[in-house]
Amino acid sequence: EITLAENSRVLDGWINPPPPVYMQYFFFNVTNSEEFLAGREKAKVTQIGPYTY
């Protein structure tokens, strides 16, 4: 339980909430890993995401 008293930081944060913070994560999948590791091809990647939290 929180008491909302005048001139408190809690009251100000409740009246004017800060903007939400979201993080986006991007992952990449190497689709030809065996050929790339053997030195036969350049890496071919596909983007996975974004995952937003």
PDB file of N, CA and C in Angstrom:
ATOM      1  N   GLU A   1       0.843  -1.169   0.000  1.00  0.00           N
ATOM      2  CA  GLU A   1       0.000   0.000   0.000  1.00  0.00           C
ATOM      3  C   GLU A   1       0.890   1.234   0.000  1.00  0.00           C
ATOM      4  N   ILE A   2       0.531   2.207  -0.830  1.00  0.00           N
ATOM      5  CA  ILE A   2       1.303   3.449  -0.940  1.00  0.00           C
ATOM      6  C   ILE A   2       0.394   4.622  -0.608  1.00  0.00           C
ATOM      7  N   THR A   3       0.897   5.510   0.219  1.00  0.00           N
ATOM      8  CA  THR A   3       0.160   6.724   0.546  1.00  0.00           C
ATOM      9  C   THR A   3       0.580   7.819  -0.424  1.00  0.00           C
ATOM     10  N   LEU A   4      -0.395   8.420  -1.082  1.00  0.00           N
ATOM     11  CA  LEU A   4      -0.118   9.494  -2.025  1.00  0.00           C
ATOM     12  C   LEU A   4      -0.267  10.831  -1.312  1.00  0.00           C
ATOM     13  N   ALA A   5       0.839  11.324  -0.770  1.00  0.00           N
ATOM     14  CA  ALA A   5       0.834  12.599  -0.063  1.00  0.00           C
ATOM     15  C   ALA A   5       1.218  13.710  -1.037  1.00  0.00           C
ATOM     16  N   GLU A   6       0.664  14.901  -0.806  1.00  0.00           N
ATOM     17  CA  GLU A   6       0.998  16.034  -1.668  1.00  0.00           C
ATOM     18  C   GLU A   6       2.485  16.347  -1.582  1.00  0.00           C
ATOM     19  N   ASN A   7       3.035  16.817  -2.707  1.00  0.00           N
ATOM     20  CA  ASN A   7       4.447  17.196  -2.824  1.00  0.00           C
ATOM     21  C   ASN A   7       5.402  16.022  -2.607  1.00  0.00           C
ATOM     22  N   SER A   8       4.938  14.824  -2.847  1.00  0.00           N
ATOM     23  CA  SER A   8       5.836  13.671  -2.736  1.00  0.00           C
ATOM     24  C   SER A   8       6.214  13.193  -4.136  1.00  0.00           C
ATOM     25  N   ARG A   9       7.353  12.515  -4.240  1.00  0.00           N
ATOM     26  CA  ARG A   9       7.788  11.988  -5.537  1.00  0.00           C
ATOM     27  C   ARG A   9       6.839  10.899  -6.018  1.00  0.00           C
ATOM     28  N   VAL A  10       6.255  10.176  -5.083  1.00  0.00           N
ATOM     29  CA  VAL A  10       5.327   9.106  -5.455  1.00  0.00           C
ATOM     30  C   VAL A  10       4.093   9.699  -6.124  1.00  0.00           C
ATOM     31  N   LEU A  11       3.555  10.768  -5.564  1.00  0.00           N
ATOM     32  CA  LEU A  11       2.372  11.408  -6.139  1.00  0.00           C
ATOM     33  C   LEU A  11       2.694  11.974  -7.521  1.00  0.00           C
ATOM     34  N   ASP A  12       3.833  12.628  -7.659  1.00  0.00           N
ATOM     35  CA  ASP A  12       4.207  13.192  -8.956  1.00  0.00           C
ATOM     36  C   ASP A  12       4.379  12.085  -9.996  1.00  0.00           C
ATOM     37  N   GLY A  13       4.978  10.981  -9.619  1.00  0.00           N
ATOM     38  CA  GLY A  13       5.130   9.862 -10.540  1.00  0.00           C
ATOM     39  C   GLY A  13       3.804   9.219 -10.897  1.00  0.00           C
ATOM     40  N   TRP A  14       2.855   9.276 -10.008  1.00  0.00           N
ATOM     41  CA  TRP A  14       1.533   8.704 -10.267  1.00  0.00           C
ATOM     42  C   TRP A  14       0.726   9.626 -11.186  1.00  0.00           C
ATOM     43  N   ILE A  15       0.839  10.939 -10.966  1.00  0.00           N
ATOM     44  CA  ILE A  15       0.112  11.904 -11.793  1.00  0.00           C
ATOM     45  C   ILE A  15       0.749  12.007 -13.181  1.00  0.00           C
ATOM     46  N   ASN A  16       2.069  12.072 -13.234  1.00  0.00           N
ATOM     47  CA  ASN A  16       2.814  12.201 -14.496  1.00  0.00           C
ATOM     48  C   ASN A  16       3.744  10.998 -14.645  1.00  0.00           C
ATOM     49  N   PRO A  17       3.213   9.852 -15.022  1.00  0.00           N
ATOM     50  CA  PRO A  17       4.080   8.669 -15.108  1.00  0.00           C
ATOM     51  C   PRO A  17       5.145   8.840 -16.189  1.00  0.00           C
ATOM     52  N   PRO A  18       6.329   8.280 -15.950  1.00  0.00           N
ATOM     53  CA  PRO A  18       7.387   8.385 -16.955  1.00  0.00           C
ATOM     54  C   PRO A  18       7.017   7.563 -18.190  1.00  0.00           C
ATOM     55  N   PRO A  19       7.592   7.910 -19.329  1.00  0.00           N
ATOM     56  CA  PRO A  19       7.282   7.130 -20.538  1.00  0.00           C
ATOM     57  C   PRO A  19       7.787   5.696 -20.383  1.00  0.00           C
ATOM     58  N   PRO A  20       7.102   4.753 -20.996  1.00  0.00           N
ATOM     59  CA  PRO A  20       7.545   3.362 -20.890  1.00  0.00           C
ATOM     60  C   PRO A  20       8.883   3.164 -21.603  1.00  0.00           C
ATOM     61  N   VAL A  21       9.657   2.245 -21.098  1.00  0.00           N
ATOM     62  CA  VAL A  21      10.958   1.931 -21.688  1.00  0.00           C
ATOM     63  C   VAL A  21      10.862   0.559 -22.330  1.00  0.00           C
ATOM     64  N   TYR A  22      11.177   0.494 -23.608  1.00  0.00           N
ATOM     65  CA  TYR A  22      11.159  -0.770 -24.334  1.00  0.00           C
ATOM     66  C   TYR A  22      12.545  -1.021 -24.908  1.00  0.00           C
ATOM     67  N   MET A  23      12.957  -2.256 -24.890  1.00  0.00           N
ATOM     68  CA  MET A  23      14.218  -2.651 -25.511  1.00  0.00           C
ATOM     69  C   MET A  23      13.895  -3.595 -26.655  1.00  0.00           C
ATOM     70  N   GLN A  24      14.591  -3.424 -27.765  1.00  0.00           N
ATOM     71  CA  GLN A  24      14.411  -4.328 -28.894  1.00  0.00           C
ATOM     72  C   GLN A  24      15.691  -5.127 -29.083  1.00  0.00           C
ATOM     73  N   TYR A  25      15.518  -6.433 -29.267  1.00  0.00           N
ATOM     74  CA  TYR A  25      16.643  -7.335 -29.466  1.00  0.00           C
ATOM     75  C   TYR A  25      16.513  -7.988 -30.830  1.00  0.00           C
ATOM     76  N   PHE A  26      17.599  -7.982 -31.568  1.00  0.00           N
ATOM     77  CA  PHE A  26      17.651  -8.603 -32.886  1.00  0.00           C
ATOM     78  C   PHE A  26      18.663  -9.740 -32.828  1.00  0.00           C
ATOM     79  N   PHE A  27      18.306 -10.877 -33.378  1.00  0.00           N
ATOM     80  CA  PHE A  27      19.208 -12.016 -33.447  1.00  0.00           C
ATOM     81  C   PHE A  27      19.396 -12.381 -34.912  1.00  0.00           C
ATOM     82  N   PHE A  28      20.512 -13.001 -35.196  1.00  0.00           N
ATOM     83  CA  PHE A  28      20.813 -13.398 -36.561  1.00  0.00           C
ATOM     84  C   PHE A  28      21.179 -14.871 -36.580  1.00  0.00           C
ATOM     85  N   ASN A  29      20.618 -15.583 -37.536  1.00  0.00           N
ATOM     86  CA  ASN A  29      20.859 -17.007 -37.685  1.00  0.00           C
ATOM     87  C   ASN A  29      21.757 -17.218 -38.898  1.00  0.00           C
ATOM     88  N   VAL A  30      22.869 -17.944 -38.703  1.00  0.00           N
ATOM     89  CA  VAL A  30      23.742 -18.288 -39.824  1.00  0.00           C
ATOM     90  C   VAL A  30      23.156 -19.535 -40.465  1.00  0.00           C
ATOM     91  N   THR A  31      22.656 -19.394 -41.690  1.00  0.00           N
ATOM     92  CA  THR A  31      21.933 -20.501 -42.324  1.00  0.00           C
ATOM     93  C   THR A  31      22.850 -21.501 -43.014  1.00  0.00           C
ATOM     94  N   ASN A  32      24.095 -21.135 -43.250  1.00  0.00           N
ATOM     95  CA  ASN A  32      25.036 -22.058 -43.887  1.00  0.00           C
ATOM     96  C   ASN A  32      26.283 -22.224 -43.020  1.00  0.00           C
ATOM     97  N   SER A  33      26.091 -22.550 -41.759  1.00  0.00           N
ATOM     98  CA  SER A  33      27.202 -22.567 -40.809  1.00  0.00           C
ATOM     99  C   SER A  33      28.295 -23.568 -41.182  1.00  0.00           C
ATOM    100  N   GLU A  34      27.936 -24.747 -41.661  1.00  0.00           N
ATOM    101  CA  GLU A  34      28.960 -25.747 -41.992  1.00  0.00           C
ATOM    102  C   GLU A  34      29.839 -25.278 -43.152  1.00  0.00           C
ATOM    103  N   GLU A  35      29.229 -24.738 -44.194  1.00  0.00           N
ATOM    104  CA  GLU A  35      29.996 -24.247 -45.336  1.00  0.00           C
ATOM    105  C   GLU A  35      30.849 -23.043 -44.948  1.00  0.00           C
ATOM    106  N   PHE A  36      30.295 -22.188 -44.106  1.00  0.00           N
ATOM    107  CA  PHE A  36      31.035 -21.010 -43.659  1.00  0.00           C
ATOM    108  C   PHE A  36      32.241 -21.412 -42.818  1.00  0.00           C
ATOM    109  N   LEU A  37      32.045 -22.315 -41.858  1.00  0.00           N
ATOM    110  CA  LEU A  37      33.151 -22.741 -40.997  1.00  0.00           C
ATOM    111  C   LEU A  37      34.220 -23.501 -41.777  1.00  0.00           C
ATOM    112  N   ALA A  38      33.823 -24.166 -42.840  1.00  0.00           N
ATOM    113  CA  ALA A  38      34.793 -24.883 -43.674  1.00  0.00           C
ATOM    114  C   ALA A  38      35.534 -23.937 -44.621  1.00  0.00           C
ATOM    115  N   GLY A  39      35.098 -22.672 -44.676  1.00  0.00           N
ATOM    116  CA  GLY A  39      35.756 -21.693 -45.525  1.00  0.00           C
ATOM    117  C   GLY A  39      35.327 -21.740 -46.975  1.00  0.00           C
ATOM    118  N   ARG A  40      34.240 -22.432 -47.266  1.00  0.00           N
ATOM    119  CA  ARG A  40      33.785 -22.560 -48.652  1.00  0.00           C
ATOM    120  C   ARG A  40      32.851 -21.432 -49.081  1.00  0.00           C
ATOM    121  N   GLU A  41      32.167 -20.794 -48.137  1.00  0.00           N
ATOM    122  CA  GLU A  41      31.195 -19.755 -48.477  1.00  0.00           C
ATOM    123  C   GLU A  41      31.260 -18.623 -47.469  1.00  0.00           C
ATOM    124  N   LYS A  42      30.748 -17.475 -47.899  1.00  0.00           N
ATOM    125  CA  LYS A  42      30.533 -16.375 -46.957  1.00  0.00           C
ATOM    126  C   LYS A  42      29.317 -16.724 -46.116  1.00  0.00           C
ATOM    127  N   ALA A  43      29.251 -16.151 -44.930  1.00  0.00           N
ATOM    128  CA  ALA A  43      28.118 -16.418 -44.039  1.00  0.00           C
ATOM    129  C   ALA A  43      26.838 -15.844 -44.635  1.00  0.00           C
ATOM    130  N   LYS A  44      25.791 -16.631 -44.608  1.00  0.00           N
ATOM    131  CA  LYS A  44      24.458 -16.179 -45.005  1.00  0.00           C
ATOM    132  C   LYS A  44      23.636 -16.098 -43.726  1.00  0.00           C
ATOM    133  N   VAL A  45      23.145 -14.912 -43.437  1.00  0.00           N
ATOM    134  CA  VAL A  45      22.425 -14.717 -42.185  1.00  0.00           C
ATOM    135  C   VAL A  45      20.994 -14.281 -42.461  1.00  0.00           C
ATOM    136  N   THR A  46      20.109 -14.675 -41.561  1.00  0.00           N
ATOM    137  CA  THR A  46      18.729 -14.203 -41.587  1.00  0.00           C
ATOM    138  C   THR A  46      18.441 -13.546 -40.246  1.00  0.00           C
ATOM    139  N   GLN A  47      17.724 -12.442 -40.310  1.00  0.00           N
ATOM    140  CA  GLN A  47      17.382 -11.716 -39.089  1.00  0.00           C
ATOM    141  C   GLN A  47      16.197 -12.381 -38.418  1.00  0.00           C
ATOM    142  N   ILE A  48      16.298 -12.523 -37.107  1.00  0.00           N
ATOM    143  CA  ILE A  48      15.203 -13.049 -36.296  1.00  0.00           C
ATOM    144  C   ILE A  48      14.847 -11.947 -35.299  1.00  0.00           C
ATOM    145  N   GLY A  49      13.599 -11.562 -35.283  1.00  0.00           N
ATOM    146  CA  GLY A  49      13.197 -10.494 -34.382  1.00  0.00           C
ATOM    147  C   GLY A  49      12.710  -9.301 -35.179  1.00  0.00           C
ATOM    148  N   PRO A  50      12.486  -8.200 -34.538  1.00  0.00           N
ATOM    149  CA  PRO A  50      12.910  -7.865 -33.189  1.00  0.00           C
ATOM    150  C   PRO A  50      11.998  -8.453 -32.114  1.00  0.00           C
ATOM    151  N   TYR A  51      12.609  -8.735 -30.993  1.00  0.00           N
ATOM    152  CA  TYR A  51      11.869  -9.118 -29.800  1.00  0.00           C
ATOM    153  C   TYR A  51      11.844  -7.885 -28.906  1.00  0.00           C
ATOM    154  N   THR A  52      10.668  -7.448 -28.555  1.00  0.00           N
ATOM    155  CA  THR A  52      10.517  -6.213 -27.793  1.00  0.00           C
ATOM    156  C   THR A  52      10.042  -6.529 -26.386  1.00  0.00           C
ATOM    157  N   TYR A  53      10.770  -6.001 -25.409  1.00  0.00           N
ATOM    158  CA  TYR A  53      10.420  -6.181 -23.993  1.00  0.00           C
ATOM    159  C   TYR A  53      10.347  -4.838 -23.323  1.00  0.00           C
TER     160      TYR A  53
END
